[in-house]
Amino acid sequence: MRIESCPHEAAPEIPLRAQGVLTPMDTYAEAILYPDRSTKWARPLFLASVSAGFPSPAEDYIEGRLDLNRHLIKHPAATFFVRVAGDSMIGSGIHPGDILVVDRAVEPQDGNVIIAVLDGELTVKRISQRGRRLYLVPDNCRYQPLEILEEMEFEVWGVVTAVIHSL
């Protein structure tokens, strides 16, 4: 777990919607989307690096075709897309409105960004194990890590494998 100093005050403790854990600005799954595996929209993939100047791609530089489904989805039957709401994971480059690629076939490891079901709510956090304790850790210093206690309903729903983020 990374511990950073934060110029902001810690967010006040506000209960999870009905159970007392998530805050209103916490990061959670706003929508779950299934990938459309029938699409085959391969785009050109260029060999040359891209400069910040005026682009002039030539056929000589085309390496092949890039299908984002094949690139982003390793386990098609176990992969879902989730739209993000909230700001607790901005330190990981996950912003409100982003789409996360979530693979339920990947075994979660310490430090992975995961989608967790916590007391009936989907949330996006980094999982951290310290000794025998398990924590959900935000990547925004305004929020505090949450220890998973025995009385909580908790399940790792999937591991985030990619973020689709518009500029």
Protein backbone atom coordinates (compact mmCIF):
# COMPACT_ATOMS: atom_id res chain seq x y z
CA MET A 1 0.00 0.00 0.00
CA ARG A 2 1.22 3.47 -0.83
CA ILE A 3 0.94 6.03 1.92
CA GLU A 4 1.21 9.60 0.74
CA SER A 5 0.85 12.89 2.50
CA CYS A 6 -2.24 14.73 1.44
CA PRO A 7 -2.73 18.49 1.41
CA HIS A 8 -6.48 17.97 1.76
CA GLU A 9 -8.33 17.16 4.94
CA ALA A 10 -9.51 13.59 5.30
CA ALA A 11 -13.04 13.05 4.04
CA PRO A 12 -15.55 12.81 6.85
CA GLU A 13 -16.84 9.36 7.72
CA ILE A 14 -20.16 9.04 5.88
CA PRO A 15 -22.03 5.71 5.91
CA LEU A 16 -22.20 3.36 2.88
CA ARG A 17 -25.48 4.16 1.27
CA ALA A 18 -27.54 1.82 3.43
CA GLN A 19 -24.86 -0.03 5.40
CA GLY A 20 -22.39 2.66 6.52
CA VAL A 21 -19.32 2.16 4.31
CA LEU A 22 -19.30 4.11 0.99
CA THR A 23 -19.21 7.90 0.87
CA PRO A 24 -21.17 9.93 -1.69
CA MET A 25 -17.98 10.71 -3.66
CA ASP A 26 -16.57 7.21 -3.32
CA THR A 27 -15.84 5.38 -6.55
CA TYR A 28 -18.37 2.76 -7.48
CA ALA A 29 -19.72 0.96 -10.53
CA GLU A 30 -22.41 3.10 -12.09
CA ALA A 31 -23.34 0.55 -14.78
CA ILE A 32 -22.29 -2.93 -15.85
CA LEU A 33 -22.01 -3.52 -19.59
CA TYR A 34 -21.40 -6.76 -21.46
CA PRO A 35 -18.92 -6.71 -24.35
CA ASP A 36 -20.35 -7.17 -27.84
CA ARG A 37 -18.12 -10.00 -29.03
CA SER A 38 -19.73 -10.03 -32.47
CA THR A 39 -18.00 -6.84 -33.54
CA LYS A 40 -14.88 -7.14 -35.65
CA TRP A 41 -13.70 -3.62 -36.27
CA ALA A 42 -9.96 -3.99 -36.68
CA ARG A 43 -8.11 -0.72 -37.21
CA PRO A 44 -4.64 -0.19 -38.70
CA LEU A 45 -1.75 -0.51 -36.27
CA PHE A 46 1.31 1.51 -37.33
CA LEU A 47 4.92 0.48 -36.71
CA ALA A 48 6.28 4.02 -36.59
CA SER A 49 6.25 6.03 -33.39
CA VAL A 50 4.01 9.08 -33.31
CA SER A 51 5.45 12.59 -33.16
CA ALA A 52 3.61 15.63 -31.94
CA GLY A 53 3.90 17.23 -35.39
CA PHE A 54 1.66 16.79 -38.42
CA PRO A 55 1.04 13.06 -38.99
CA SER A 56 1.61 11.56 -42.42
CA PRO A 57 1.11 7.79 -42.12
CA ALA A 58 2.16 5.78 -45.13
CA GLU A 59 1.22 2.22 -46.07
CA ASP A 60 4.86 1.18 -45.48
CA TYR A 61 4.41 1.72 -41.75
CA ILE A 62 1.28 -0.38 -41.25
CA GLU A 63 2.12 -3.34 -39.02
CA GLY A 64 -1.26 -5.00 -39.21
CA ARG A 65 -4.75 -4.63 -37.84
CA LEU A 66 -5.62 -4.03 -34.19
CA ASP A 67 -8.88 -5.42 -32.81
CA LEU A 68 -9.45 -3.82 -29.40
CA ASN A 69 -11.64 -6.74 -28.31
CA ARG A 70 -8.70 -9.11 -28.81
CA HIS A 71 -6.31 -6.65 -27.19
CA LEU A 72 -8.38 -5.80 -24.09
CA ILE A 73 -10.35 -9.01 -23.47
CA LYS A 74 -8.38 -12.12 -22.47
CA HIS A 75 -11.32 -14.18 -21.16
CA PRO A 76 -14.38 -13.19 -23.23
CA ALA A 77 -16.96 -15.17 -21.26
CA ALA A 78 -15.76 -13.67 -17.96
CA THR A 79 -15.16 -10.06 -19.04
CA PHE A 80 -17.46 -7.10 -18.41
CA PHE A 81 -17.28 -3.35 -18.76
CA VAL A 82 -18.15 -1.11 -15.82
CA ARG A 83 -18.79 2.64 -15.96
CA VAL A 84 -17.24 4.51 -13.02
CA ALA A 85 -18.81 7.11 -10.74
CA GLY A 86 -16.85 8.90 -8.01
CA ASP A 87 -13.27 10.09 -7.49
CA SER A 88 -11.61 7.78 -4.96
CA MET A 89 -9.40 6.12 -7.61
CA ILE A 90 -8.08 9.15 -9.50
CA GLY A 91 -4.52 8.34 -8.38
CA SER A 92 -4.75 5.19 -10.50
CA GLY A 93 -5.96 7.16 -13.52
CA ILE A 94 -9.59 6.10 -12.97
CA HIS A 95 -11.95 9.07 -13.31
CA PRO A 96 -15.73 9.52 -13.17
CA GLY A 97 -17.27 8.34 -16.45
CA ASP A 98 -14.36 6.04 -17.35
CA ILE A 99 -15.09 2.52 -18.50
CA LEU A 100 -13.22 -0.28 -16.75
CA VAL A 101 -12.50 -3.65 -18.34
CA VAL A 102 -13.16 -6.20 -15.58
CA ASP A 103 -12.05 -9.83 -15.86
CA ARG A 104 -13.73 -12.21 -13.44
CA ALA A 105 -11.40 -15.07 -14.45
CA VAL A 106 -8.28 -13.32 -13.13
CA GLU A 107 -7.31 -14.29 -9.58
CA PRO A 108 -6.96 -11.11 -7.49
CA GLN A 109 -3.50 -10.37 -6.11
CA ASP A 110 -2.38 -7.96 -3.41
CA GLY A 111 -2.26 -4.49 -4.96
CA ASN A 112 -4.70 -5.19 -7.83
CA VAL A 113 -7.48 -2.74 -8.60
CA ILE A 114 -10.69 -4.70 -8.19
CA ILE A 115 -14.44 -4.44 -8.34
CA ALA A 116 -15.75 -5.60 -4.98
CA VAL A 117 -19.25 -6.30 -3.77
CA LEU A 118 -19.43 -4.82 -0.30
CA ASP A 119 -22.70 -5.15 1.57
CA GLY A 120 -24.59 -5.34 -1.73
CA GLU A 121 -22.82 -2.38 -3.40
CA LEU A 122 -20.22 -2.53 -6.19
CA THR A 123 -17.11 -0.46 -5.45
CA VAL A 124 -13.76 0.10 -7.19
CA LYS A 125 -10.70 -0.10 -4.94
CA ARG A 126 -7.19 -1.49 -4.67
CA ILE A 127 -7.07 -4.67 -2.58
CA SER A 128 -4.38 -4.86 0.08
CA GLN A 129 -3.51 -7.64 2.49
CA ARG A 130 -1.53 -6.76 5.62
CA GLY A 131 -0.86 -9.84 7.66
CA ARG A 132 -4.22 -11.50 8.21
CA ARG A 133 -6.18 -8.29 7.52
CA LEU A 134 -7.74 -7.34 4.20
CA TYR A 135 -8.29 -3.73 3.12
CA LEU A 136 -9.94 -1.86 0.27
CA VAL A 137 -7.66 1.07 -0.45
CA PRO A 138 -8.61 4.19 -2.43
CA ASP A 139 -6.07 5.97 -4.62
CA ASN A 140 -7.09 9.43 -3.48
CA CYS A 141 -5.66 10.79 -0.24
CA ARG A 142 -9.03 12.32 0.67
CA TYR A 143 -10.33 8.83 1.48
CA GLN A 144 -9.25 6.30 4.07
CA PRO A 145 -8.60 2.57 3.57
CA LEU A 146 -11.43 0.33 4.67
CA GLU A 147 -10.70 -2.83 6.62
CA ILE A 148 -12.90 -5.76 5.60
CA LEU A 149 -14.44 -7.12 8.77
CA GLU A 150 -15.91 -10.57 9.28
CA GLU A 151 -19.46 -9.23 9.66
CA MET A 152 -19.35 -7.49 6.26
CA GLU A 153 -20.68 -9.15 3.13
CA PHE A 154 -17.63 -9.03 0.86
CA GLU A 155 -16.73 -10.59 -2.47
CA VAL A 156 -14.16 -9.76 -5.14
CA TRP A 157 -16.31 -9.49 -8.25
CA GLY A 158 -13.44 -9.11 -10.70
CA VAL A 159 -10.02 -7.63 -11.42
CA VAL A 160 -9.73 -4.41 -13.42
CA THR A 161 -7.44 -5.09 -16.38
CA ALA A 162 -7.78 -1.83 -18.34
CA VAL A 163 -9.25 1.66 -18.19
CA ILE A 164 -10.91 3.32 -21.17
CA HIS A 165 -10.53 7.03 -20.58
CA SER A 166 -11.49 9.84 -22.93
CA LEU A 167 -9.23 12.87 -23.16
